[in-house]
Amino acid sequence: AEEPQRSWFDHPIQIGVEPAANELLYGLRELDAAVGAEPGDGRVTCLLSVSVTHDGLASIAGRYVEAELARDGRLRHLDVVVVTEDDTRHLIDEVLVPALGEAGAQAADGLHRVVGVDGHYGRHYSFLKAVAALWSVAVDPAVRATFKIDLDQVFPQAVLRAQTGKTMFEHLRTPLWGATARSADGRELELGMLAGALVNERDIGRGLFTPDVPIPERLPTLDEHVFFSGLPQAISTRAEMMERYDGAAVDGVATALERIHVTGGTNGIRVDALRRHRPFTPTWVGRAEDQAYLLSTLGRPGRQLAYAHAAGLIMRHDKAAFAGQSMAAAHVGKLIGDDVRILVLSAYLDTIESRGGDIHALLDPFTGCFASATPRTLVLLRLALRTLRLLIAGAAADAREYATDGSRRLADAFEAQGDATVVAIEFEQERAAWDDYYDALDALEDGPDELRRDATRIIEACRVAVV
């Protein structure tokens, strides 16, 4: 029998896809070219997390990625590290747990739950951030930050230079990243994170600062009458991501922009901010993992972690140019994921706001619009109306898949996120597990050299030779 799908992603790489349509190869080639266009001849370490849609792929996914990279070659400026779920287990069992033991602490059962790359988006998103702190402690203390990209996004170096006067690395060297600030409503902030923006490949000819989500010019369709997320997304994109720091009011020196709306790629975090604030995305967050990451730090006492806006740090979004096959295959799953997102974010925000403060107002217009006062009613009505819209459009197969799979996944989400008390307990359990992770890094830093050598050995085994 066909194995049921366990995790859903926007455009997963299909096993056996031709190289020209392989997002992995495309993204790494483009990143390699962008690094090569920088002054000097330095190299960049690129860590890839390998997440699977089906459990049966776990035993072959890492080897498949390594084989594709080795066969393609052509990377002159990148050191590629490929991390699978098995690799993260080795790090936990052979490094983190022993480090806690050396410090006289006992690891919570939740370390295996939160540290890894399989499962929903939130799990590998958190790992790709947190691993930088481990890297800094065990492999290279000179590492001070990490920057995440998606492999369907590329740095258009020639356009960046022509229209902003800076290369990608020059944008990353902004003094805003790591600065302290006071927000418009008086909150003390640490700008330990940095966020850029995107421009669609088809639009870049109109200018680098062309929003990748345009303001809708059409009337809402059936389901959009109850939830029209495209409008607040477009407004937020234009207001936050397209800010250029070219006016007296917001100059990027004395006054800058605190970003809330960010994309899953084109954002980074400093190692000192990781270790101080310990942010994470809960493992049960399957979409909007980038928005949920910041939520874990809100409502806590003291200076708050925040994103600095990097004006002009814009990546070209090329997904439509090469990943049509994988996007089509994942289209219906993405629609369902948006419905689940409403349930998850609503429950999550209820948990965060229980600490006090009007966090919802901070997250509006886009991120906050997914947190509904009546999430169940909203998603069920949306499911019915969207199914009807697909049928009217003649997409009967999509309508059937959406209604069938959507009903099942929403039922699972109702059960998992239906009880606010349970969600709050799970959130605190995951926070405790991430505290164990960072406590382990503190212990590893001061502990025996052997454990740091073990961490380096495990990571070095993940390196891929690409010649």
Protein backbone atom coordinates (compact mmCIF):
# COMPACT_ATOMS: atom_id res chain seq x y z
CA ALA A 1 0.00 0.00 0.00
CA GLU A 2 1.10 3.56 -0.60
CA GLU A 3 2.76 5.10 2.44
CA PRO A 4 0.82 8.08 3.83
CA GLN A 5 2.48 11.46 3.60
CA ARG A 6 3.65 12.79 6.97
CA SER A 7 4.95 16.28 6.18
CA TRP A 8 4.00 18.86 3.57
CA PHE A 9 6.23 21.47 1.94
CA ASP A 10 5.56 24.10 -0.73
CA HIS A 11 7.70 22.55 -3.47
CA PRO A 12 9.60 19.48 -2.28
CA ILE A 13 12.34 18.05 -4.48
CA GLN A 14 11.02 14.94 -6.18
CA ILE A 15 13.35 11.94 -6.27
CA GLY A 16 14.63 11.49 -9.82
CA VAL A 17 13.71 14.96 -11.07
CA GLU A 18 15.90 16.08 -13.96
CA PRO A 19 18.85 18.31 -12.95
CA ALA A 20 17.45 21.37 -14.75
CA ALA A 21 14.38 21.30 -12.48
CA ASN A 22 16.19 20.29 -9.29
CA GLU A 23 15.88 23.12 -6.79
CA LEU A 24 18.81 21.80 -4.78
CA LEU A 25 21.25 22.03 -7.68
CA TYR A 26 19.80 25.30 -8.94
CA GLY A 27 20.01 27.08 -5.62
CA LEU A 28 23.53 25.96 -4.81
CA ARG A 29 24.86 26.89 -8.26
CA GLU A 30 23.35 30.36 -7.93
CA LEU A 31 24.69 30.82 -4.39
CA ASP A 32 28.11 29.66 -5.55
CA ALA A 33 28.03 32.22 -8.35
CA ALA A 34 26.95 34.98 -5.95
CA VAL A 35 29.81 34.20 -3.55
CA GLY A 36 32.20 34.15 -6.51
CA ALA A 37 31.06 37.65 -7.46
CA GLU A 38 32.14 39.04 -4.08
CA PRO A 39 35.59 40.66 -3.75
CA GLY A 40 38.28 38.24 -2.61
CA ASP A 41 38.40 34.48 -2.87
CA GLY A 42 36.79 33.33 0.38
CA ARG A 43 34.53 30.32 0.83
CA VAL A 44 31.14 30.02 2.49
CA THR A 45 29.83 27.09 4.50
CA CYS A 46 26.31 26.16 3.42
CA LEU A 47 24.44 23.77 5.72
CA LEU A 48 21.49 21.94 4.16
CA SER A 49 18.80 20.25 6.24
CA VAL A 50 17.26 17.21 4.55
CA SER A 51 13.59 16.87 5.54
CA VAL A 52 11.41 14.11 4.11
CA THR A 53 7.72 14.01 3.21
CA HIS A 54 7.42 10.23 3.84
CA ASP A 55 9.15 8.15 6.50
CA GLY A 56 10.29 5.65 3.87
CA LEU A 57 12.54 8.30 2.32
CA ALA A 58 14.53 8.83 5.51
CA SER A 59 17.04 6.07 4.80
CA ILE A 60 17.89 7.31 1.29
CA ALA A 61 17.30 11.08 1.30
CA GLY A 62 20.72 12.06 2.60
CA ARG A 63 22.53 9.74 0.21
CA TYR A 64 20.39 11.00 -2.68
CA VAL A 65 21.33 14.62 -1.95
CA GLU A 66 25.02 13.75 -1.68
CA ALA A 67 24.91 11.77 -4.93
CA GLU A 68 23.19 14.60 -6.81
CA LEU A 69 25.73 17.12 -5.57
CA ALA A 70 28.69 14.88 -6.35
CA ARG A 71 27.39 14.17 -9.84
CA ASP A 72 26.69 17.81 -10.61
CA GLY A 73 29.89 19.27 -9.14
CA ARG A 74 30.70 22.81 -10.26
CA LEU A 75 30.75 24.42 -6.79
CA ARG A 76 33.95 26.44 -6.39
CA HIS A 77 33.11 28.70 -3.46
CA LEU A 78 30.90 26.60 -1.15
CA ASP A 79 31.62 24.03 1.53
CA VAL A 80 28.42 22.00 1.68
CA VAL A 81 27.24 20.23 4.85
CA VAL A 82 24.21 17.93 4.56
CA VAL A 83 22.38 17.15 7.83
CA THR A 84 19.71 14.47 8.19
CA GLU A 85 17.56 13.44 11.15
CA ASP A 86 20.04 10.67 11.99
CA ASP A 87 22.85 13.21 12.18
CA THR A 88 20.91 15.33 14.66
CA ARG A 89 20.29 12.24 16.81
CA HIS A 90 24.04 11.65 16.95
CA LEU A 91 24.59 15.25 18.06
CA ILE A 92 22.02 14.88 20.83
CA ASP A 93 23.13 11.47 22.12
CA GLU A 94 26.89 11.88 21.74
CA VAL A 95 27.37 15.59 22.48
CA LEU A 96 24.45 17.47 24.04
CA VAL A 97 23.29 14.89 26.59
CA PRO A 98 26.87 14.10 27.76
CA ALA A 99 27.59 17.84 28.02
CA LEU A 100 24.60 18.30 30.31
CA GLY A 101 25.79 15.33 32.32
CA GLU A 102 29.22 16.89 32.76
CA ALA A 103 27.50 19.96 34.17
CA GLY A 104 25.47 17.86 36.59
CA ALA A 105 22.20 18.44 34.77
CA GLN A 106 19.78 15.89 33.39
CA ALA A 107 18.45 16.27 29.85
CA ALA A 108 14.71 16.54 29.45
CA ASP A 109 12.98 14.01 27.26
CA GLY A 110 12.10 16.81 24.85
CA LEU A 111 15.53 17.24 23.24
CA HIS A 112 14.82 14.61 20.60
CA ARG A 113 11.41 16.14 20.05
CA VAL A 114 12.62 19.64 19.23
CA VAL A 115 16.13 19.21 17.80
CA GLY A 116 16.02 17.75 14.31
CA VAL A 117 15.14 18.30 10.68
CA ASP A 118 12.19 15.99 9.96
CA GLY A 119 8.55 16.87 10.55
CA HIS A 120 6.79 20.19 10.04
CA TYR A 121 8.54 23.33 8.80
CA GLY A 122 8.99 24.63 12.33
CA ARG A 123 11.35 21.85 13.36
CA HIS A 124 14.00 22.22 10.67
CA TYR A 125 13.62 26.01 10.70
CA SER A 126 14.58 26.12 14.39
CA PHE A 127 17.47 23.73 13.83
CA LEU A 128 18.94 25.76 10.97
CA LYS A 129 19.14 28.72 13.34
CA ALA A 130 20.22 26.92 16.50
CA VAL A 131 22.98 24.91 14.84
CA ALA A 132 24.97 28.14 14.37
CA ALA A 133 25.40 28.40 18.13
CA LEU A 134 26.62 24.80 18.31
CA TRP A 135 28.97 25.47 15.39
CA SER A 136 30.39 28.52 17.15
CA VAL A 137 31.07 26.56 20.34
CA ALA A 138 32.42 23.32 18.86
CA VAL A 139 33.70 23.98 15.35
CA ASP A 140 34.61 27.62 14.73
CA PRO A 141 34.34 30.33 17.41
CA ALA A 142 34.71 32.98 14.70
CA VAL A 143 31.15 32.23 13.52
CA ARG A 144 29.00 35.09 14.79
CA ALA A 145 25.77 34.73 12.81
CA THR A 146 23.83 32.60 10.37
CA PHE A 147 21.68 33.64 7.42
CA LYS A 148 18.97 31.40 6.02
CA ILE A 149 17.95 31.26 2.38
CA ASP A 150 15.58 29.05 0.43
CA LEU A 151 17.09 27.32 -2.57
CA ASP A 152 14.62 28.88 -5.00
CA GLN A 153 15.98 32.32 -4.04
CA VAL A 154 19.17 33.82 -5.46
CA PHE A 155 21.23 36.94 -4.86
CA PRO A 156 21.15 39.01 -8.09
CA GLN A 157 24.58 40.51 -7.54
CA ALA A 158 24.74 42.68 -10.66
CA VAL A 159 21.33 44.20 -9.92
CA LEU A 160 22.16 44.68 -6.24
CA ARG A 161 25.29 46.61 -7.15
CA ALA A 162 23.56 48.68 -9.82
CA GLN A 163 20.47 49.62 -7.80
CA THR A 164 21.70 49.65 -4.19
CA GLY A 165 25.46 50.16 -4.55
CA LYS A 166 26.16 47.11 -2.37
CA THR A 167 26.80 43.40 -2.78
CA MET A 168 25.02 40.78 -0.69
CA PHE A 169 27.82 40.61 1.89
CA GLU A 170 27.99 44.40 2.12
CA HIS A 171 24.26 44.43 2.92
CA LEU A 172 24.84 41.85 5.66
CA ARG A 173 27.43 44.12 7.27
CA THR A 174 24.81 46.71 8.24
CA PRO A 175 25.47 48.24 11.69
CA LEU A 176 21.77 47.77 12.46
CA TRP A 177 22.30 44.02 12.91
CA GLY A 178 23.04 43.67 16.62
CA ALA A 179 22.12 47.24 17.56
CA THR A 180 19.82 48.15 20.44
CA ALA A 181 16.80 50.35 19.92
CA ARG A 182 13.52 51.61 21.34
CA SER A 183 10.34 50.73 19.46
CA ALA A 184 7.61 53.16 18.47
CA ASP A 185 5.55 52.01 21.47
CA GLY A 186 8.45 52.26 23.90
CA ARG A 187 9.72 48.66 24.05
CA GLU A 188 13.46 48.12 24.50
CA LEU A 189 14.73 46.05 21.56
CA GLU A 190 17.78 44.06 20.56
CA LEU A 191 18.02 43.91 16.77
CA GLY A 192 19.66 40.51 16.87
CA MET A 193 17.90 39.34 13.72
CA LEU A 194 18.03 40.70 10.18
CA ALA A 195 15.42 40.47 7.43
CA GLY A 196 15.57 41.21 3.73
CA ALA A 197 12.96 40.91 0.99
CA LEU A 198 12.12 39.21 -2.30
CA VAL A 199 11.44 40.21 -5.88
CA ASN A 200 9.91 37.79 -8.35
CA GLU A 201 12.11 36.71 -11.25
CA ARG A 202 9.47 37.86 -13.73
CA ASP A 203 9.34 41.34 -12.13
CA ILE A 204 12.99 42.18 -11.54
CA GLY A 205 13.20 43.91 -14.93
CA ARG A 206 10.82 46.53 -13.51
CA GLY A 207 13.22 47.23 -10.65
CA LEU A 208 14.70 45.52 -7.62
CA PHE A 209 12.16 47.15 -5.30
CA THR A 210 9.13 45.62 -7.01
CA PRO A 211 6.99 43.93 -4.31
CA ASP A 212 6.77 40.16 -4.80
CA VAL A 213 3.15 40.28 -3.61
CA PRO A 214 1.20 42.96 -5.52
CA ILE A 215 -1.93 44.59 -4.15
CA PRO A 216 -4.90 42.65 -5.62
CA GLU A 217 -6.72 44.46 -8.40
CA ARG A 218 -9.55 41.94 -8.64
CA LEU A 219 -12.58 41.38 -6.40
CA PRO A 220 -12.43 38.57 -3.82
CA THR A 221 -13.65 35.14 -4.95
CA LEU A 222 -15.93 32.83 -2.98
CA ASP A 223 -13.69 31.78 -0.09
CA GLU A 224 -11.84 35.11 -0.10
CA HIS A 225 -14.99 36.84 1.12
CA VAL A 226 -14.37 35.21 4.51
CA PHE A 227 -10.55 35.35 4.45
CA PHE A 228 -8.66 37.52 1.96
CA SER A 229 -5.08 37.14 3.22
CA GLY A 230 -3.59 38.35 -0.06
CA LEU A 231 -4.58 41.95 0.71
CA PRO A 232 -2.90 42.36 4.13
CA GLN A 233 0.08 40.40 2.81
CA ALA A 234 0.47 42.83 -0.08
CA ILE A 235 0.09 45.88 2.16
CA SER A 236 2.59 44.53 4.68
CA THR A 237 5.05 43.62 1.91
CA ARG A 238 4.94 47.12 0.49
CA ALA A 239 5.14 48.86 3.88
CA GLU A 240 7.81 46.72 5.55
CA MET A 241 9.92 45.02 2.91
CA MET A 242 10.17 47.83 0.38
CA GLU A 243 11.38 50.49 2.84
CA ARG A 244 14.56 52.04 1.38
CA TYR A 245 15.77 54.28 4.25
CA ASP A 246 15.90 57.14 1.78
CA GLY A 247 13.88 59.72 3.70
CA ALA A 248 14.46 61.97 6.68
CA ALA A 249 11.82 60.28 8.84
CA VAL A 250 13.27 56.76 8.50
CA ASP A 251 16.92 57.04 7.53
CA GLY A 252 18.29 53.68 8.72
CA VAL A 253 20.69 55.44 11.10
CA ALA A 254 18.82 57.26 13.86
CA THR A 255 15.49 55.67 12.96
CA ALA A 256 14.97 52.28 11.36
CA LEU A 257 12.23 49.75 10.77
CA GLU A 258 11.36 46.91 13.15
CA ARG A 259 10.32 44.03 10.93
CA ILE A 260 7.49 41.66 11.87
CA HIS A 261 6.57 40.21 8.48
CA VAL A 262 9.53 38.16 7.24
CA THR A 263 9.98 35.37 4.71
CA GLY A 264 11.26 31.86 5.43
CA GLY A 265 14.47 32.69 3.58
CA THR A 266 16.38 35.98 3.48
CA ASN A 267 16.69 36.33 7.23
CA GLY A 268 19.43 35.79 9.78
CA ILE A 269 20.23 35.78 13.47
CA ARG A 270 23.37 36.46 15.49
CA VAL A 271 24.85 33.73 17.68
CA ASP A 272 24.86 35.97 20.76
CA ALA A 273 21.13 36.65 20.24
CA LEU A 274 20.47 32.92 19.88
CA ARG A 275 22.16 32.12 23.15
CA ARG A 276 20.63 35.07 25.01
CA HIS A 277 17.00 34.81 23.85
CA ARG A 278 16.75 31.13 22.81
CA PRO A 279 14.03 31.59 20.17
CA PHE A 280 12.34 28.65 18.45
CA THR A 281 9.39 27.68 16.32
CA PRO A 282 7.20 24.96 17.88
CA THR A 283 7.43 21.59 16.15
CA TRP A 284 3.71 21.61 15.38
CA VAL A 285 3.92 24.73 13.19
CA GLY A 286 3.71 23.64 9.56
CA ARG A 287 3.46 27.00 7.81
CA ALA A 288 4.41 30.56 8.83
CA GLU A 289 7.36 29.04 10.67
CA ASP A 290 9.23 32.27 10.05
CA GLN A 291 6.52 34.36 11.72
CA ALA A 292 6.12 31.89 14.60
CA TYR A 293 9.84 32.02 15.40
CA LEU A 294 9.64 35.57 16.71
CA LEU A 295 6.49 34.83 18.72
CA SER A 296 8.40 32.55 21.09
CA THR A 297 10.26 35.57 22.48
CA LEU A 298 7.36 38.02 22.80
CA GLY A 299 5.75 38.88 26.10
CA ARG A 300 8.87 38.09 28.12
CA PRO A 301 10.47 40.59 30.52
CA GLY A 302 13.52 42.59 29.53
CA ARG A 303 14.86 43.75 26.19
CA GLN A 304 13.02 42.01 23.36
CA LEU A 305 14.55 40.29 20.37
CA ALA A 306 13.57 41.91 17.06
CA TYR A 307 14.32 41.96 13.34
CA ALA A 308 16.22 44.85 11.82
CA HIS A 309 15.14 45.69 8.28
CA ALA A 310 17.98 45.44 5.77
CA ALA A 311 16.98 47.94 3.09
CA GLY A 312 17.99 46.69 -0.34
CA LEU A 313 18.92 43.15 0.75
CA ILE A 314 16.59 41.64 -1.82
CA MET A 315 16.79 38.15 -3.27
CA ARG A 316 15.29 37.13 -6.60
CA HIS A 317 12.55 34.52 -6.20
CA ASP A 318 12.94 32.05 -9.07
CA LYS A 319 10.51 29.28 -8.12
CA ALA A 320 8.23 29.84 -11.11
CA ALA A 321 11.20 29.77 -13.46
CA PHE A 322 12.24 26.17 -12.79
CA ALA A 323 10.17 24.44 -10.09
CA GLY A 324 6.83 24.24 -11.87
CA GLN A 325 6.58 20.46 -11.58
CA SER A 326 7.16 20.33 -7.83
CA MET A 327 4.94 23.37 -7.22
CA ALA A 328 2.08 21.79 -9.14
CA ALA A 329 2.46 18.55 -7.18
CA ALA A 330 2.33 20.44 -3.87
CA HIS A 331 -0.37 22.98 -4.85
CA VAL A 332 -3.31 21.44 -3.01
CA GLY A 333 -1.21 20.59 0.03
CA LYS A 334 -0.20 24.24 0.25
CA LEU A 335 -3.87 25.33 0.21
CA ILE A 336 -4.63 22.97 3.07
CA GLY A 337 -1.54 24.18 4.89
CA ASP A 338 -2.92 27.72 4.82
CA ASP A 339 -6.09 26.48 6.55
CA VAL A 340 -4.10 24.61 9.19
CA ARG A 341 -2.01 27.76 9.62
CA ILE A 342 -5.09 29.64 10.86
CA LEU A 343 -5.77 27.01 13.52
CA VAL A 344 -2.15 26.75 14.63
CA LEU A 345 -1.41 30.48 14.74
CA SER A 346 -4.68 31.22 16.55
CA ALA A 347 -3.89 28.68 19.27
CA TYR A 348 -0.26 29.77 19.45
CA LEU A 349 -1.08 33.46 19.77
CA ASP A 350 -3.62 32.73 22.52
CA THR A 351 -0.78 31.07 24.43
CA ILE A 352 1.59 34.01 23.93
CA GLU A 353 -0.99 36.67 24.74
CA SER A 354 -1.86 34.91 28.00
CA ARG A 355 1.39 36.42 29.31
CA GLY A 356 -0.06 39.89 28.81
CA GLY A 357 0.25 42.64 26.22
CA ASP A 358 -1.53 43.28 22.94
CA ILE A 359 0.71 41.13 20.78
CA HIS A 360 -1.96 40.77 18.10
CA ALA A 361 -1.76 44.50 17.37
CA LEU A 362 2.01 44.22 16.94
CA LEU A 363 1.59 41.43 14.39
CA ASP A 364 -1.02 43.11 12.19
CA PRO A 365 -1.71 43.40 9.34
CA PHE A 366 -0.34 40.19 7.79
CA THR A 367 0.96 37.86 10.48
CA GLY A 368 -1.87 38.75 12.80
CA CYS A 369 -4.60 38.14 10.24
CA PHE A 370 -4.10 34.37 10.56
CA ALA A 371 -4.90 34.50 14.29
CA SER A 372 -8.69 34.41 14.37
CA ALA A 373 -11.16 34.73 17.22
CA THR A 374 -13.26 32.00 15.52
CA PRO A 375 -10.66 29.78 13.80
CA ARG A 376 -12.75 26.60 13.51
CA THR A 377 -15.69 28.38 11.93
CA LEU A 378 -13.38 30.23 9.58
CA VAL A 379 -11.46 27.21 8.28
CA LEU A 380 -14.55 25.03 7.84
CA LEU A 381 -16.35 27.75 5.92
CA ARG A 382 -13.24 28.36 3.86
CA LEU A 383 -12.90 24.64 3.13
CA ALA A 384 -16.44 24.47 1.81
CA LEU A 385 -16.26 27.65 -0.27
CA ARG A 386 -12.83 26.87 -1.72
CA THR A 387 -13.95 23.36 -2.71
CA LEU A 388 -16.91 24.93 -4.49
CA ARG A 389 -14.64 27.44 -6.23
CA LEU A 390 -12.36 24.67 -7.51
CA LEU A 391 -15.36 22.73 -8.83
CA ILE A 392 -16.73 25.81 -10.60
CA ALA A 393 -13.31 26.36 -12.18
CA GLY A 394 -13.36 22.82 -13.58
CA ALA A 395 -10.59 21.55 -11.29
CA ALA A 396 -12.54 18.53 -10.06
CA ALA A 397 -9.47 16.48 -9.14
CA ASP A 398 -8.02 19.33 -7.09
CA ALA A 399 -11.40 19.90 -5.43
CA ARG A 400 -11.65 16.23 -4.48
CA GLU A 401 -8.10 16.14 -3.11
CA TYR A 402 -8.58 19.40 -1.24
CA ALA A 403 -11.87 18.35 0.36
CA THR A 404 -10.68 14.83 1.26
CA ASP A 405 -7.16 15.56 2.48
CA GLY A 406 -8.22 18.90 3.93
CA SER A 407 -10.93 17.31 6.06
CA ARG A 408 -8.46 14.78 7.44
CA ARG A 409 -5.69 17.28 8.16
CA LEU A 410 -8.09 19.79 9.70
CA ALA A 411 -9.51 17.07 11.94
CA ASP A 412 -5.98 16.26 13.09
CA ALA A 413 -5.33 19.96 13.71
CA PHE A 414 -8.60 20.34 15.65
CA GLU A 415 -7.47 17.53 17.93
CA ALA A 416 -3.91 18.80 18.31
CA GLN A 417 -4.65 22.51 18.71
CA GLY A 418 -8.23 22.37 19.95
CA ASP A 419 -7.44 22.73 23.63
CA ALA A 420 -5.68 25.98 24.53
CA THR A 421 -4.44 24.49 27.80
CA VAL A 422 -2.77 21.59 25.98
CA VAL A 423 -1.15 23.97 23.48
CA ALA A 424 0.21 26.09 26.32
CA ILE A 425 1.64 23.02 28.06
CA GLU A 426 3.28 21.78 24.85
CA PHE A 427 4.76 25.21 24.21
CA GLU A 428 6.34 25.35 27.67
CA GLN A 429 7.64 21.78 27.27
CA GLU A 430 9.35 22.73 24.03
CA ARG A 431 10.75 25.89 25.58
CA ALA A 432 12.22 23.77 28.38
CA ALA A 433 13.79 21.45 25.80
CA TRP A 434 15.38 24.39 23.98
CA ASP A 435 16.66 25.68 27.33
CA ASP A 436 18.33 22.28 27.73
CA TYR A 437 19.89 22.69 24.28
CA TYR A 438 21.43 26.06 25.09
CA ASP A 439 22.40 24.95 28.60
CA ALA A 440 24.21 22.05 26.92
CA LEU A 441 26.11 24.53 24.73
CA ASP A 442 27.14 26.48 27.82
CA ALA A 443 28.39 23.24 29.36
CA LEU A 444 30.07 22.18 26.12
CA GLU A 445 31.94 25.47 25.95
CA ASP A 446 33.43 24.95 29.41
CA GLY A 447 33.58 21.16 29.36
CA PRO A 448 36.13 18.60 28.17
CA ASP A 449 37.72 19.00 24.75
CA GLU A 450 36.65 15.47 23.87
CA LEU A 451 32.98 16.45 23.56
CA ARG A 452 33.79 19.35 21.26
CA ARG A 453 35.88 16.99 19.16
CA ASP A 454 32.92 14.60 19.01
CA ALA A 455 30.69 17.42 17.76
CA THR A 456 33.25 18.36 15.13
CA ARG A 457 33.58 14.70 14.07
CA ILE A 458 29.82 14.34 13.55
CA ILE A 459 29.58 17.59 11.61
CA GLU A 460 32.65 16.84 9.49
CA ALA A 461 31.06 13.51 8.51
CA CYS A 462 28.19 15.53 7.02
CA ARG A 463 30.44 17.44 4.62
CA VAL A 464 30.00 16.63 0.93
CA ALA A 465 32.92 16.63 -1.46
CA VAL A 466 31.86 18.63 -4.52
CA VAL A 467 34.61 18.97 -7.11
